[in-house]
């Protein structure tokens, strides 16, 4: 009996720690990738003339969509709904884009701009050189925005932050598609905690019933 209680307590502690780390507001990080995808199984389709937006639910998460516009996205301009210090942002899109930040006079980031080396925008902090080979996101590709700190120790994006594409390849989209977030690690952990608690409760009831019957 004591062992079972200790086991449940350990699960709750681990789950709480995961949520605290996922909900941090220090050192936001964004990683971008574009695994291939085609057909009806692709998530969050973004068509021709459309932009996309998604919201950070609990300070992190992984958001997925598919470029079905018919062309390669050489530029993505992500507008932030709340000011985030540019110095706190780390953006990584290896092989796809160079990440730059447009800041206001107070040093707050108002946009995150991703460019390949085909259509560069002249902004500060450009990291690409003449030898870069960046592709952007081709059509029929799934793109992923990972807003979690890789180590989940120093925090991630502020809760409720809205990311909105104001332009794709320099053009304002005719409409915006809202992409649903994938569960973040803290949410998945809480789900596991709930299932474990239900299983343990059923086993405890079954054991109590057996003891009562034997008496």
C-alpha atoms as a PDB file:
ATOM      1  CA  UNK A   1       0.000   0.000   0.000  1.00  0.00           C
ATOM      2  CA  UNK A   2       2.793   2.408   0.931  1.00  0.00           C
ATOM      3  CA  UNK A   3       4.678   1.486  -2.245  1.00  0.00           C
ATOM      4  CA  UNK A   4       1.645   2.327  -4.396  1.00  0.00           C
ATOM      5  CA  UNK A   5       1.222   5.731  -2.741  1.00  0.00           C
ATOM      6  CA  UNK A   6       4.899   6.502  -3.214  1.00  0.00           C
ATOM      7  CA  UNK A   7       4.659   5.539  -6.904  1.00  0.00           C
ATOM      8  CA  UNK A   8       1.686   7.863  -7.494  1.00  0.00           C
ATOM      9  CA  UNK A   9       3.417  10.710  -5.650  1.00  0.00           C
ATOM     10  CA  UNK A  10       6.534  10.288  -7.807  1.00  0.00           C
ATOM     11  CA  UNK A  11       4.451  10.470 -11.007  1.00  0.00           C
ATOM     12  CA  UNK A  12       2.734  13.666  -9.820  1.00  0.00           C
ATOM     13  CA  UNK A  13       6.082  15.296  -8.989  1.00  0.00           C
ATOM     14  CA  UNK A  14       7.525  14.439 -12.411  1.00  0.00           C
ATOM     15  CA  UNK A  15       4.389  15.719 -14.155  1.00  0.00           C
ATOM     16  CA  UNK A  16       4.435  19.004 -12.242  1.00  0.00           C
ATOM     17  CA  UNK A  17       8.101  19.552 -13.057  1.00  0.00           C
ATOM     18  CA  UNK A  18       7.448  19.024 -16.778  1.00  0.00           C
ATOM     19  CA  UNK A  19       4.658  21.596 -16.760  1.00  0.00           C
ATOM     20  CA  UNK A  20       6.802  24.153 -14.941  1.00  0.00           C
ATOM     21  CA  UNK A  21       9.596  23.781 -17.483  1.00  0.00           C
ATOM     22  CA  UNK A  22       7.220  23.925 -20.455  1.00  0.00           C
ATOM     23  CA  UNK A  23       5.564  27.078 -19.145  1.00  0.00           C
ATOM     24  CA  UNK A  24       8.746  29.102 -18.670  1.00  0.00           C
ATOM     25  CA  UNK A  25       9.131  32.544 -20.212  1.00  0.00           C
ATOM     26  CA  UNK A  26      12.933  32.773 -20.328  1.00  0.00           C
ATOM     27  CA  UNK A  27      15.068  32.345 -23.442  1.00  0.00           C
ATOM     28  CA  UNK A  28      12.389  31.629 -26.083  1.00  0.00           C
ATOM     29  CA  UNK A  29      13.509  29.273 -28.816  1.00  0.00           C
ATOM     30  CA  UNK A  30      12.027  28.442 -32.197  1.00  0.00           C
ATOM     31  CA  UNK A  31      13.178  25.595 -34.438  1.00  0.00           C
ATOM     32  CA  UNK A  32      11.831  25.203 -37.980  1.00  0.00           C
ATOM     33  CA  UNK A  33      11.892  22.080 -40.162  1.00  0.00           C
ATOM     34  CA  UNK A  34      10.028  20.795 -43.225  1.00  0.00           C
ATOM     35  CA  UNK A  35       9.686  17.007 -43.415  1.00  0.00           C
ATOM     36  CA  UNK A  36       8.091  15.820 -46.689  1.00  0.00           C
ATOM     37  CA  UNK A  37       4.371  15.116 -46.727  1.00  0.00           C
ATOM     38  CA  UNK A  38       1.675  14.640 -49.357  1.00  0.00           C
ATOM     39  CA  UNK A  39      -1.945  13.509 -49.439  1.00  0.00           C
ATOM     40  CA  UNK A  40      -4.859  13.762 -47.026  1.00  0.00           C
ATOM     41  CA  UNK A  41      -2.757  12.737 -44.034  1.00  0.00           C
ATOM     42  CA  UNK A  42      -0.831  16.039 -44.046  1.00  0.00           C
ATOM     43  CA  UNK A  43      -1.764  18.395 -41.197  1.00  0.00           C
ATOM     44  CA  UNK A  44      -3.009  21.990 -41.474  1.00  0.00           C
ATOM     45  CA  UNK A  45      -3.045  22.613 -45.237  1.00  0.00           C
ATOM     46  CA  UNK A  46      -2.076  26.145 -46.311  1.00  0.00           C
ATOM     47  CA  UNK A  47      -3.176  26.836 -49.890  1.00  0.00           C
ATOM     48  CA  UNK A  48      -2.431  29.462 -52.515  1.00  0.00           C
ATOM     49  CA  UNK A  49      -2.928  33.041 -51.325  1.00  0.00           C
ATOM     50  CA  UNK A  50      -3.198  31.953 -47.690  1.00  0.00           C
ATOM     51  CA  UNK A  51      -1.124  32.724 -44.642  1.00  0.00           C
ATOM     52  CA  UNK A  52      -1.250  30.828 -41.359  1.00  0.00           C
ATOM     53  CA  UNK A  53      -1.351  31.564 -37.654  1.00  0.00           C
ATOM     54  CA  UNK A  54      -1.026  29.575 -34.443  1.00  0.00           C
ATOM     55  CA  UNK A  55      -1.044  30.304 -30.726  1.00  0.00           C
ATOM     56  CA  UNK A  56       1.332  29.090 -28.035  1.00  0.00           C
ATOM     57  CA  UNK A  57      -1.069  27.518 -25.571  1.00  0.00           C
ATOM     58  CA  UNK A  58       1.008  26.854 -22.468  1.00  0.00           C
ATOM     59  CA  UNK A  59       4.395  28.313 -23.244  1.00  0.00           C
ATOM     60  CA  UNK A  60       5.634  25.882 -25.837  1.00  0.00           C
ATOM     61  CA  UNK A  61       4.424  23.221 -28.206  1.00  0.00           C
ATOM     62  CA  UNK A  62       4.958  21.860 -31.703  1.00  0.00           C
ATOM     63  CA  UNK A  63       2.852  23.225 -34.557  1.00  0.00           C
ATOM     64  CA  UNK A  64       2.518  21.555 -37.956  1.00  0.00           C
ATOM     65  CA  UNK A  65       1.145  22.470 -41.355  1.00  0.00           C
ATOM     66  CA  UNK A  66       1.632  21.707 -45.026  1.00  0.00           C
ATOM     67  CA  UNK A  67       2.570  24.090 -47.821  1.00  0.00           C
ATOM     68  CA  UNK A  68      -0.056  23.417 -50.511  1.00  0.00           C
ATOM     69  CA  UNK A  69       0.337  26.829 -52.152  1.00  0.00           C
ATOM     70  CA  UNK A  70       1.870  25.441 -55.335  1.00  0.00           C
ATOM     71  CA  UNK A  71       5.163  27.264 -54.839  1.00  0.00           C
ATOM     72  CA  UNK A  72       8.186  27.438 -52.569  1.00  0.00           C
ATOM     73  CA  UNK A  73       8.064  29.745 -49.553  1.00  0.00           C
ATOM     74  CA  UNK A  74      11.301  31.704 -49.824  1.00  0.00           C
ATOM     75  CA  UNK A  75      10.238  34.188 -47.151  1.00  0.00           C
ATOM     76  CA  UNK A  76       8.118  33.901 -44.015  1.00  0.00           C
ATOM     77  CA  UNK A  77       7.336  36.968 -41.894  1.00  0.00           C
ATOM     78  CA  UNK A  78       6.023  35.952 -38.466  1.00  0.00           C
ATOM     79  CA  UNK A  79       4.440  38.789 -36.486  1.00  0.00           C
ATOM     80  CA  UNK A  80       4.371  38.410 -32.702  1.00  0.00           C
ATOM     81  CA  UNK A  81       1.264  39.384 -30.730  1.00  0.00           C
ATOM     82  CA  UNK A  82       3.279  40.405 -27.655  1.00  0.00           C
ATOM     83  CA  UNK A  83       6.725  42.001 -27.425  1.00  0.00           C
ATOM     84  CA  UNK A  84       9.579  39.584 -26.761  1.00  0.00           C
ATOM     85  CA  UNK A  85      13.143  40.778 -26.287  1.00  0.00           C
ATOM     86  CA  UNK A  86      15.084  40.011 -29.461  1.00  0.00           C
ATOM     87  CA  UNK A  87      18.101  39.064 -27.355  1.00  0.00           C
ATOM     88  CA  UNK A  88      16.029  36.270 -25.771  1.00  0.00           C
ATOM     89  CA  UNK A  89      15.075  34.649 -29.095  1.00  0.00           C
ATOM     90  CA  UNK A  90      17.027  31.779 -30.595  1.00  0.00           C
ATOM     91  CA  UNK A  91      15.812  30.736 -34.052  1.00  0.00           C
ATOM     92  CA  UNK A  92      17.113  27.705 -35.939  1.00  0.00           C
ATOM     93  CA  UNK A  93      16.110  26.584 -39.460  1.00  0.00           C
ATOM     94  CA  UNK A  94      19.111  24.647 -40.802  1.00  0.00           C
ATOM     95  CA  UNK A  95      19.021  24.213 -44.561  1.00  0.00           C
ATOM     96  CA  UNK A  96      15.815  26.221 -44.905  1.00  0.00           C
ATOM     97  CA  UNK A  97      16.131  29.831 -43.793  1.00  0.00           C
ATOM     98  CA  UNK A  98      18.232  32.482 -42.163  1.00  0.00           C
ATOM     99  CA  UNK A  99      16.416  33.884 -39.127  1.00  0.00           C
ATOM    100  CA  UNK A 100      16.448  37.635 -38.510  1.00  0.00           C
ATOM    101  CA  UNK A 101      14.497  39.841 -36.106  1.00  0.00           C
ATOM    102  CA  UNK A 102      12.883  43.221 -36.620  1.00  0.00           C
ATOM    103  CA  UNK A 103      12.933  45.154 -33.357  1.00  0.00           C
ATOM    104  CA  UNK A 104      11.358  48.354 -32.110  1.00  0.00           C
ATOM    105  CA  UNK A 105      13.303  51.175 -30.476  1.00  0.00           C
ATOM    106  CA  UNK A 106      12.986  49.470 -27.068  1.00  0.00           C
ATOM    107  CA  UNK A 107      14.630  46.296 -28.324  1.00  0.00           C
ATOM    108  CA  UNK A 108      11.426  44.253 -28.426  1.00  0.00           C
ATOM    109  CA  UNK A 109      11.033  41.815 -31.307  1.00  0.00           C
ATOM    110  CA  UNK A 110       7.985  42.612 -33.432  1.00  0.00           C
ATOM    111  CA  UNK A 111       8.669  40.167 -36.302  1.00  0.00           C
ATOM    112  CA  UNK A 112      10.716  37.066 -36.979  1.00  0.00           C
ATOM    113  CA  UNK A 113      11.737  36.978 -40.641  1.00  0.00           C
ATOM    114  CA  UNK A 114      12.951  33.805 -42.314  1.00  0.00           C
ATOM    115  CA  UNK A 115      14.707  34.074 -45.682  1.00  0.00           C
ATOM    116  CA  UNK A 116      16.508  31.721 -47.996  1.00  0.00           C
ATOM    117  CA  UNK A 117      19.482  33.005 -49.985  1.00  0.00           C
ATOM    118  CA  UNK A 118      17.410  33.453 -53.163  1.00  0.00           C
ATOM    119  CA  UNK A 119      15.407  36.472 -51.989  1.00  0.00           C
ATOM    120  CA  UNK A 120      17.343  38.022 -49.094  1.00  0.00           C
ATOM    121  CA  UNK A 121      15.948  40.909 -47.055  1.00  0.00           C
ATOM    122  CA  UNK A 122      18.507  43.503 -45.982  1.00  0.00           C
ATOM    123  CA  UNK A 123      18.124  43.382 -42.206  1.00  0.00           C
ATOM    124  CA  UNK A 124      20.546  43.221 -39.324  1.00  0.00           C
ATOM    125  CA  UNK A 125      21.911  39.928 -37.974  1.00  0.00           C
ATOM    126  CA  UNK A 126      21.925  38.209 -41.377  1.00  0.00           C
ATOM    127  CA  UNK A 127      23.990  35.040 -40.946  1.00  0.00           C
ATOM    128  CA  UNK A 128      24.001  33.670 -44.493  1.00  0.00           C
ATOM    129  CA  UNK A 129      27.072  33.966 -46.712  1.00  0.00           C
ATOM    130  CA  UNK A 130      27.558  33.477 -50.458  1.00  0.00           C
ATOM    131  CA  UNK A 131      28.137  29.758 -49.865  1.00  0.00           C
ATOM    132  CA  UNK A 132      24.762  29.134 -48.198  1.00  0.00           C
ATOM    133  CA  UNK A 133      22.421  26.549 -49.692  1.00  0.00           C
ATOM    134  CA  UNK A 134      18.978  27.311 -48.284  1.00  0.00           C
ATOM    135  CA  UNK A 135      15.818  25.961 -49.842  1.00  0.00           C
ATOM    136  CA  UNK A 136      12.859  27.575 -48.120  1.00  0.00           C
ATOM    137  CA  UNK A 137       9.784  25.338 -47.799  1.00  0.00           C
ATOM    138  CA  UNK A 138       8.757  23.748 -51.133  1.00  0.00           C
ATOM    139  CA  UNK A 139       5.151  22.977 -51.994  1.00  0.00           C
ATOM    140  CA  UNK A 140       3.703  19.703 -50.657  1.00  0.00           C
ATOM    141  CA  UNK A 141       6.061  19.831 -47.680  1.00  0.00           C
ATOM    142  CA  UNK A 142       5.031  19.635 -44.053  1.00  0.00           C
ATOM    143  CA  UNK A 143       6.584  22.375 -41.937  1.00  0.00           C
ATOM    144  CA  UNK A 144       7.084  22.174 -38.186  1.00  0.00           C
ATOM    145  CA  UNK A 145       7.588  24.963 -35.661  1.00  0.00           C
ATOM    146  CA  UNK A 146       9.091  23.647 -32.449  1.00  0.00           C
ATOM    147  CA  UNK A 147       8.720  26.317 -29.752  1.00  0.00           C
ATOM    148  CA  UNK A 148      10.151  24.244 -26.918  1.00  0.00           C
ATOM    149  CA  UNK A 149      13.537  24.697 -25.360  1.00  0.00           C
ATOM    150  CA  UNK A 150      15.457  21.544 -26.406  1.00  0.00           C
ATOM    151  CA  UNK A 151      16.466  20.819 -22.810  1.00  0.00           C
ATOM    152  CA  UNK A 152      13.160  22.067 -21.345  1.00  0.00           C
ATOM    153  CA  UNK A 153      15.133  23.654 -18.525  1.00  0.00           C
ATOM    154  CA  UNK A 154      15.428  27.368 -19.321  1.00  0.00           C
ATOM    155  CA  UNK A 155      11.906  27.974 -20.579  1.00  0.00           C
ATOM    156  CA  UNK A 156      10.153  28.514 -23.880  1.00  0.00           C
ATOM    157  CA  UNK A 157       7.691  30.954 -25.460  1.00  0.00           C
ATOM    158  CA  UNK A 158       5.315  33.023 -23.317  1.00  0.00           C
ATOM    159  CA  UNK A 159       1.876  31.524 -22.839  1.00  0.00           C
ATOM    160  CA  UNK A 160      -0.748  32.845 -25.267  1.00  0.00           C
ATOM    161  CA  UNK A 161       1.749  34.217 -27.816  1.00  0.00           C
ATOM    162  CA  UNK A 162       0.138  34.505 -31.274  1.00  0.00           C
ATOM    163  CA  UNK A 163       2.316  33.903 -34.353  1.00  0.00           C
ATOM    164  CA  UNK A 164       0.844  35.261 -37.586  1.00  0.00           C
ATOM    165  CA  UNK A 165       2.314  35.229 -41.097  1.00  0.00           C
ATOM    166  CA  UNK A 166       1.936  38.745 -42.403  1.00  0.00           C
ATOM    167  CA  UNK A 167       3.580  37.911 -45.705  1.00  0.00           C
ATOM    168  CA  UNK A 168       4.791  34.966 -47.741  1.00  0.00           C
ATOM    169  CA  UNK A 169       7.387  35.891 -50.378  1.00  0.00           C
ATOM    170  CA  UNK A 170       6.661  39.558 -49.767  1.00  0.00           C
ATOM    171  CA  UNK A 171       2.918  39.322 -50.423  1.00  0.00           C
ATOM    172  CA  UNK A 172       0.113  39.835 -47.937  1.00  0.00           C
ATOM    173  CA  UNK A 173      -2.019  36.651 -47.773  1.00  0.00           C
ATOM    174  CA  UNK A 174      -5.670  36.871 -48.785  1.00  0.00           C
ATOM    175  CA  UNK A 175      -6.733  34.780 -45.784  1.00  0.00           C
ATOM    176  CA  UNK A 176      -5.248  33.237 -42.661  1.00  0.00           C
ATOM    177  CA  UNK A 177      -5.493  29.553 -41.752  1.00  0.00           C
ATOM    178  CA  UNK A 178      -5.402  28.779 -38.029  1.00  0.00           C
ATOM    179  CA  UNK A 179      -3.264  25.736 -37.342  1.00  0.00           C
ATOM    180  CA  UNK A 180      -4.081  23.681 -34.256  1.00  0.00           C
ATOM    181  CA  UNK A 181      -1.193  23.061 -31.847  1.00  0.00           C
ATOM    182  CA  UNK A 182       0.155  19.600 -31.099  1.00  0.00           C
ATOM    183  CA  UNK A 183       0.222  18.578 -27.394  1.00  0.00           C
ATOM    184  CA  UNK A 184       3.306  19.846 -25.625  1.00  0.00           C
ATOM    185  CA  UNK A 185       5.378  17.615 -23.290  1.00  0.00           C
ATOM    186  CA  UNK A 186       3.661  18.950 -20.156  1.00  0.00           C
ATOM    187  CA  UNK A 187       0.208  18.113 -21.540  1.00  0.00           C
ATOM    188  CA  UNK A 188       1.292  14.610 -22.537  1.00  0.00           C
ATOM    189  CA  UNK A 189       2.779  14.051 -19.077  1.00  0.00           C
ATOM    190  CA  UNK A 190      -0.438  15.140 -17.360  1.00  0.00           C
ATOM    191  CA  UNK A 191      -2.432  12.752 -19.550  1.00  0.00           C
ATOM    192  CA  UNK A 192      -0.139   9.918 -18.515  1.00  0.00           C
ATOM    193  CA  UNK A 193      -0.492  10.870 -14.840  1.00  0.00           C
ATOM    194  CA  UNK A 194      -4.287  10.750 -15.125  1.00  0.00           C
ATOM    195  CA  UNK A 195      -4.296   7.333 -16.784  1.00  0.00           C
ATOM    196  CA  UNK A 196      -1.860   5.914 -14.225  1.00  0.00           C
ATOM    197  CA  UNK A 197      -4.012   7.223 -11.377  1.00  0.00           C
ATOM    198  CA  UNK A 198      -7.173   5.609 -12.830  1.00  0.00           C
ATOM    199  CA  UNK A 199      -5.432   2.244 -13.269  1.00  0.00           C
ATOM    200  CA  UNK A 200      -4.043   2.349  -9.729  1.00  0.00           C
ATOM    201  CA  UNK A 201      -7.466   3.254  -8.313  1.00  0.00           C
ATOM    202  CA  UNK A 202      -9.130   0.308 -10.069  1.00  0.00           C
ATOM    203  CA  UNK A 203      -6.470  -2.104  -8.831  1.00  0.00           C
ATOM    204  CA  UNK A 204      -6.896  -0.787  -5.277  1.00  0.00           C
ATOM    205  CA  UNK A 205     -10.679  -1.275  -5.420  1.00  0.00           C
ATOM    206  CA  UNK A 206     -10.279  -4.810  -6.804  1.00  0.00           C
ATOM    207  CA  UNK A 207      -7.843  -5.669  -4.009  1.00  0.00           C
ATOM    208  CA  UNK A 208     -10.187  -4.254  -1.360  1.00  0.00           C
ATOM    209  CA  UNK A 209     -13.064  -6.312  -2.770  1.00  0.00           C
ATOM    210  CA  UNK A 210     -10.981  -9.494  -2.656  1.00  0.00           C
ATOM    211  CA  UNK A 211     -10.028  -8.843   0.968  1.00  0.00           C
ATOM    212  CA  UNK A 212     -13.666  -8.202   1.929  1.00  0.00           C
ATOM    213  CA  UNK A 213     -14.785 -11.444   0.243  1.00  0.00           C
ATOM    214  CA  UNK A 214     -12.125 -13.503   2.017  1.00  0.00           C
ATOM    215  CA  UNK A 215     -13.252 -12.160   5.395  1.00  0.00           C
END
